[in-house]
Amino acid sequence: MPRSTLELGARGIRVNAIAPGSTLTGMTSLAFTRPAMEQGFLRHTPMGRFGRGDDIAQAVLGLASPLSAWVTGHLLLVDGGPSLRGLPLYLENLTVP
């Protein structure tokens, strides 16, 4: 992303990315709604819930809007906070019997 940001910035093109966290969708619901998986994920998520498609969409809209006209080269974590705890701890404590 840094290279494209530098190359395209001079043309007024902003380059940003979204890093979604655990998002409940039709594709993920089977795995995420198993009690052990659900408890493991939610125990490490400060916001206390899975993300929803709308959460990700709102972040995209925010970055694409004129309100973010001065934002470029940014990776936006949209994950409800578990990344603050660190991935190794998160995965280490996620067990499925």
N, C-alpha and C. Protein backbone atom coordinates (compact mmCIF):
# COMPACT_ATOMS: atom_id res chain seq x y z
N MET A 1 0.81 -1.20 0.00
CA MET A 1 0.00 0.00 0.00
C MET A 1 0.86 1.27 0.00
N PRO A 2 1.99 1.32 0.72
CA PRO A 2 2.76 2.58 0.74
C PRO A 2 3.19 3.05 -0.65
N ARG A 3 3.62 2.12 -1.49
CA ARG A 3 4.09 2.52 -2.82
C ARG A 3 2.95 3.11 -3.64
N SER A 4 1.80 2.45 -3.64
CA SER A 4 0.68 2.97 -4.42
C SER A 4 0.20 4.30 -3.85
N THR A 5 0.28 4.46 -2.53
CA THR A 5 -0.11 5.73 -1.92
C THR A 5 0.79 6.85 -2.41
N LEU A 6 2.08 6.60 -2.45
CA LEU A 6 3.02 7.62 -2.92
C LEU A 6 2.83 7.93 -4.40
N GLU A 7 2.60 6.91 -5.19
CA GLU A 7 2.45 7.11 -6.63
C GLU A 7 1.14 7.82 -6.99
N LEU A 8 0.07 7.49 -6.29
CA LEU A 8 -1.24 8.01 -6.66
C LEU A 8 -1.61 9.29 -5.93
N GLY A 9 -0.96 9.56 -4.82
CA GLY A 9 -1.28 10.75 -4.04
C GLY A 9 -1.14 12.04 -4.82
N ALA A 10 -0.12 12.13 -5.66
CA ALA A 10 0.10 13.33 -6.47
C ALA A 10 -1.06 13.60 -7.42
N ARG A 11 -1.84 12.57 -7.72
CA ARG A 11 -3.00 12.72 -8.60
C ARG A 11 -4.30 12.92 -7.82
N GLY A 12 -4.17 13.04 -6.49
CA GLY A 12 -5.35 13.24 -5.67
C GLY A 12 -6.12 11.97 -5.36
N ILE A 13 -5.48 10.84 -5.61
CA ILE A 13 -6.12 9.56 -5.34
C ILE A 13 -5.66 9.06 -3.98
N ARG A 14 -6.62 8.79 -3.11
CA ARG A 14 -6.31 8.28 -1.78
C ARG A 14 -6.32 6.75 -1.80
N VAL A 15 -5.39 6.15 -1.07
CA VAL A 15 -5.29 4.70 -1.00
C VAL A 15 -5.37 4.30 0.47
N ASN A 16 -6.40 3.56 0.82
CA ASN A 16 -6.60 3.09 2.19
C ASN A 16 -7.08 1.65 2.13
N ALA A 17 -7.06 0.99 3.26
CA ALA A 17 -7.51 -0.40 3.33
C ALA A 17 -8.29 -0.63 4.62
N ILE A 18 -9.17 -1.59 4.56
CA ILE A 18 -9.97 -2.00 5.72
C ILE A 18 -9.50 -3.40 6.12
N ALA A 19 -9.26 -3.61 7.42
CA ALA A 19 -8.92 -4.94 7.95
C ALA A 19 -10.08 -5.35 8.87
N PRO A 20 -11.03 -6.10 8.34
CA PRO A 20 -12.18 -6.48 9.16
C PRO A 20 -11.82 -7.58 10.15
N GLY A 21 -12.45 -7.52 11.29
CA GLY A 21 -12.29 -8.58 12.29
C GLY A 21 -13.33 -9.65 12.07
N SER A 22 -13.62 -10.38 13.12
CA SER A 22 -14.59 -11.48 13.06
C SER A 22 -15.97 -10.91 12.77
N THR A 23 -16.44 -11.17 11.56
CA THR A 23 -17.70 -10.60 11.09
C THR A 23 -18.70 -11.72 10.84
N LEU A 24 -19.85 -11.60 11.45
CA LEU A 24 -20.90 -12.61 11.32
C LEU A 24 -21.62 -12.42 10.00
N THR A 25 -21.53 -13.42 9.16
CA THR A 25 -22.20 -13.41 7.85
C THR A 25 -22.83 -14.78 7.63
N GLY A 26 -23.53 -14.93 6.55
CA GLY A 26 -24.09 -16.23 6.21
C GLY A 26 -23.00 -17.28 6.06
N MET A 27 -21.83 -16.86 5.63
CA MET A 27 -20.73 -17.78 5.41
C MET A 27 -20.02 -18.16 6.71
N THR A 28 -20.00 -17.27 7.70
CA THR A 28 -19.27 -17.53 8.94
C THR A 28 -20.17 -17.96 10.10
N SER A 29 -21.47 -17.82 9.95
CA SER A 29 -22.36 -18.06 11.08
C SER A 29 -22.29 -19.49 11.61
N LEU A 30 -22.10 -20.47 10.77
CA LEU A 30 -22.03 -21.86 11.23
C LEU A 30 -20.86 -22.05 12.19
N ALA A 31 -19.71 -21.49 11.87
CA ALA A 31 -18.54 -21.63 12.74
C ALA A 31 -18.66 -20.74 13.97
N PHE A 32 -19.04 -19.50 13.78
CA PHE A 32 -19.03 -18.54 14.88
C PHE A 32 -20.13 -18.77 15.91
N THR A 33 -21.20 -19.46 15.53
CA THR A 33 -22.29 -19.65 16.48
C THR A 33 -22.17 -20.95 17.28
N ARG A 34 -21.13 -21.73 17.03
CA ARG A 34 -20.87 -22.89 17.89
C ARG A 34 -20.46 -22.33 19.25
N PRO A 35 -21.04 -22.81 20.34
CA PRO A 35 -20.80 -22.20 21.65
C PRO A 35 -19.33 -21.99 22.01
N ALA A 36 -18.49 -22.97 21.80
CA ALA A 36 -17.08 -22.81 22.17
C ALA A 36 -16.40 -21.73 21.32
N MET A 37 -16.69 -21.71 20.05
CA MET A 37 -16.11 -20.69 19.16
C MET A 37 -16.63 -19.31 19.55
N GLU A 38 -17.93 -19.21 19.73
CA GLU A 38 -18.53 -17.92 20.06
C GLU A 38 -17.94 -17.37 21.37
N GLN A 39 -17.86 -18.19 22.38
CA GLN A 39 -17.32 -17.75 23.67
C GLN A 39 -15.85 -17.36 23.54
N GLY A 40 -15.08 -18.13 22.77
CA GLY A 40 -13.67 -17.82 22.58
C GLY A 40 -13.45 -16.49 21.90
N PHE A 41 -14.19 -16.23 20.84
CA PHE A 41 -14.06 -14.96 20.13
C PHE A 41 -14.54 -13.79 20.99
N LEU A 42 -15.70 -13.93 21.54
CA LEU A 42 -16.30 -12.80 22.27
C LEU A 42 -15.56 -12.48 23.56
N ARG A 43 -14.95 -13.47 24.18
CA ARG A 43 -14.18 -13.23 25.40
C ARG A 43 -13.00 -12.28 25.13
N HIS A 44 -12.51 -12.28 23.91
CA HIS A 44 -11.36 -11.46 23.56
C HIS A 44 -11.71 -10.21 22.77
N THR A 45 -12.99 -9.94 22.65
CA THR A 45 -13.45 -8.78 21.88
C THR A 45 -14.02 -7.74 22.83
N PRO A 46 -13.30 -6.63 23.05
CA PRO A 46 -13.78 -5.61 23.99
C PRO A 46 -15.19 -5.09 23.70
N MET A 47 -15.59 -5.05 22.44
CA MET A 47 -16.93 -4.57 22.11
C MET A 47 -18.01 -5.62 22.42
N GLY A 48 -17.59 -6.86 22.69
CA GLY A 48 -18.51 -7.88 23.17
C GLY A 48 -19.45 -8.48 22.14
N ARG A 49 -19.16 -8.32 20.88
CA ARG A 49 -20.02 -8.91 19.85
C ARG A 49 -19.22 -9.12 18.58
N PHE A 50 -19.77 -9.91 17.68
CA PHE A 50 -19.18 -10.06 16.36
C PHE A 50 -19.49 -8.82 15.53
N GLY A 51 -18.66 -8.57 14.56
CA GLY A 51 -18.96 -7.50 13.63
C GLY A 51 -20.10 -7.91 12.72
N ARG A 52 -20.71 -6.92 12.10
CA ARG A 52 -21.77 -7.15 11.13
C ARG A 52 -21.33 -6.51 9.80
N GLY A 53 -21.93 -6.94 8.76
CA GLY A 53 -21.61 -6.36 7.45
C GLY A 53 -21.74 -4.85 7.45
N ASP A 54 -22.74 -4.34 8.15
CA ASP A 54 -22.94 -2.89 8.22
C ASP A 54 -21.77 -2.19 8.90
N ASP A 55 -21.15 -2.84 9.87
CA ASP A 55 -19.99 -2.23 10.54
C ASP A 55 -18.86 -1.99 9.53
N ILE A 56 -18.63 -2.98 8.69
CA ILE A 56 -17.57 -2.87 7.69
C ILE A 56 -17.97 -1.83 6.64
N ALA A 57 -19.22 -1.89 6.20
CA ALA A 57 -19.70 -0.95 5.18
C ALA A 57 -19.59 0.49 5.65
N GLN A 58 -19.92 0.75 6.91
CA GLN A 58 -19.84 2.12 7.43
C GLN A 58 -18.40 2.62 7.44
N ALA A 59 -17.46 1.73 7.76
CA ALA A 59 -16.04 2.11 7.74
C ALA A 59 -15.60 2.45 6.31
N VAL A 60 -16.04 1.65 5.36
CA VAL A 60 -15.71 1.91 3.95
C VAL A 60 -16.30 3.25 3.52
N LEU A 61 -17.57 3.48 3.86
CA LEU A 61 -18.20 4.75 3.51
C LEU A 61 -17.46 5.94 4.12
N GLY A 62 -17.04 5.78 5.35
CA GLY A 62 -16.30 6.85 6.01
C GLY A 62 -15.00 7.17 5.30
N LEU A 63 -14.25 6.14 4.92
CA LEU A 63 -12.99 6.37 4.22
C LEU A 63 -13.20 6.91 2.80
N ALA A 64 -14.32 6.54 2.20
CA ALA A 64 -14.59 6.99 0.83
C ALA A 64 -15.21 8.38 0.78
N SER A 65 -15.68 8.87 1.89
CA SER A 65 -16.39 10.15 1.90
C SER A 65 -15.43 11.34 1.93
N PRO A 66 -15.93 12.52 1.61
CA PRO A 66 -15.12 13.74 1.70
C PRO A 66 -14.64 14.03 3.12
N LEU A 67 -15.30 13.44 4.12
CA LEU A 67 -14.86 13.64 5.50
C LEU A 67 -13.46 13.07 5.75
N SER A 68 -13.01 12.17 4.87
CA SER A 68 -11.68 11.58 4.99
C SER A 68 -10.76 12.07 3.87
N ALA A 69 -10.99 13.26 3.41
CA ALA A 69 -10.23 13.80 2.27
C ALA A 69 -8.73 13.88 2.53
N TRP A 70 -8.30 13.92 3.78
CA TRP A 70 -6.90 14.06 4.12
C TRP A 70 -6.32 12.76 4.66
N VAL A 71 -7.06 11.67 4.48
CA VAL A 71 -6.64 10.36 4.97
C VAL A 71 -6.17 9.52 3.79
N THR A 72 -4.91 9.10 3.84
CA THR A 72 -4.38 8.22 2.81
C THR A 72 -3.26 7.37 3.39
N GLY A 73 -3.08 6.20 2.84
CA GLY A 73 -2.05 5.29 3.32
C GLY A 73 -2.38 4.67 4.66
N HIS A 74 -3.66 4.53 4.94
CA HIS A 74 -4.08 4.06 6.26
C HIS A 74 -4.72 2.69 6.18
N LEU A 75 -4.38 1.83 7.13
CA LEU A 75 -5.03 0.54 7.31
C LEU A 75 -5.95 0.68 8.51
N LEU A 76 -7.24 0.61 8.29
CA LEU A 76 -8.22 0.79 9.36
C LEU A 76 -8.68 -0.56 9.87
N LEU A 77 -8.38 -0.85 11.13
CA LEU A 77 -8.84 -2.08 11.76
C LEU A 77 -10.30 -1.88 12.19
N VAL A 78 -11.17 -2.71 11.68
CA VAL A 78 -12.58 -2.67 12.05
C VAL A 78 -12.89 -4.03 12.66
N ASP A 79 -12.49 -4.16 13.94
CA ASP A 79 -12.53 -5.49 14.55
C ASP A 79 -13.12 -5.53 15.95
N GLY A 80 -13.61 -4.42 16.47
CA GLY A 80 -14.19 -4.44 17.80
C GLY A 80 -13.17 -4.50 18.92
N GLY A 81 -11.89 -4.46 18.59
CA GLY A 81 -10.85 -4.36 19.60
C GLY A 81 -9.96 -5.53 19.91
N PRO A 82 -10.20 -6.76 19.43
CA PRO A 82 -9.32 -7.85 19.84
C PRO A 82 -7.87 -7.68 19.36
N SER A 83 -7.67 -6.92 18.32
CA SER A 83 -6.30 -6.71 17.84
C SER A 83 -5.46 -5.97 18.88
N LEU A 84 -6.10 -5.25 19.79
CA LEU A 84 -5.39 -4.55 20.86
C LEU A 84 -4.76 -5.54 21.84
N ARG A 85 -5.31 -6.73 21.92
CA ARG A 85 -4.79 -7.74 22.84
C ARG A 85 -3.65 -8.54 22.23
N GLY A 86 -3.48 -8.48 20.94
CA GLY A 86 -2.42 -9.21 20.27
C GLY A 86 -2.92 -10.55 19.75
N LEU A 87 -2.56 -10.85 18.55
CA LEU A 87 -3.03 -12.07 17.90
C LEU A 87 -2.58 -13.35 18.60
N PRO A 88 -1.31 -13.48 19.03
CA PRO A 88 -0.92 -14.75 19.66
C PRO A 88 -1.76 -15.08 20.89
N LEU A 89 -2.00 -14.10 21.77
CA LEU A 89 -2.82 -14.36 22.95
C LEU A 89 -4.24 -14.73 22.53
N TYR A 90 -4.73 -14.05 21.53
CA TYR A 90 -6.08 -14.30 21.04
C TYR A 90 -6.23 -15.73 20.54
N LEU A 91 -5.30 -16.17 19.73
CA LEU A 91 -5.39 -17.52 19.18
C LEU A 91 -5.06 -18.58 20.22
N GLU A 92 -4.12 -18.29 21.10
CA GLU A 92 -3.70 -19.24 22.13
C GLU A 92 -4.88 -19.62 23.04
N ASN A 93 -5.72 -18.67 23.33
CA ASN A 93 -6.83 -18.90 24.24
C ASN A 93 -8.11 -19.31 23.55
N LEU A 94 -8.08 -19.42 22.24
CA LEU A 94 -9.26 -19.83 21.49
C LEU A 94 -9.19 -21.34 21.30
N THR A 95 -9.93 -22.07 22.08
CA THR A 95 -9.92 -23.52 21.97
C THR A 95 -11.31 -24.03 21.68
N VAL A 96 -11.35 -25.05 20.89
CA VAL A 96 -12.63 -25.69 20.56
C VAL A 96 -12.52 -27.15 21.01
N PRO A 97 -13.39 -27.56 21.93
CA PRO A 97 -13.31 -28.96 22.40
C PRO A 97 -13.66 -29.96 21.33
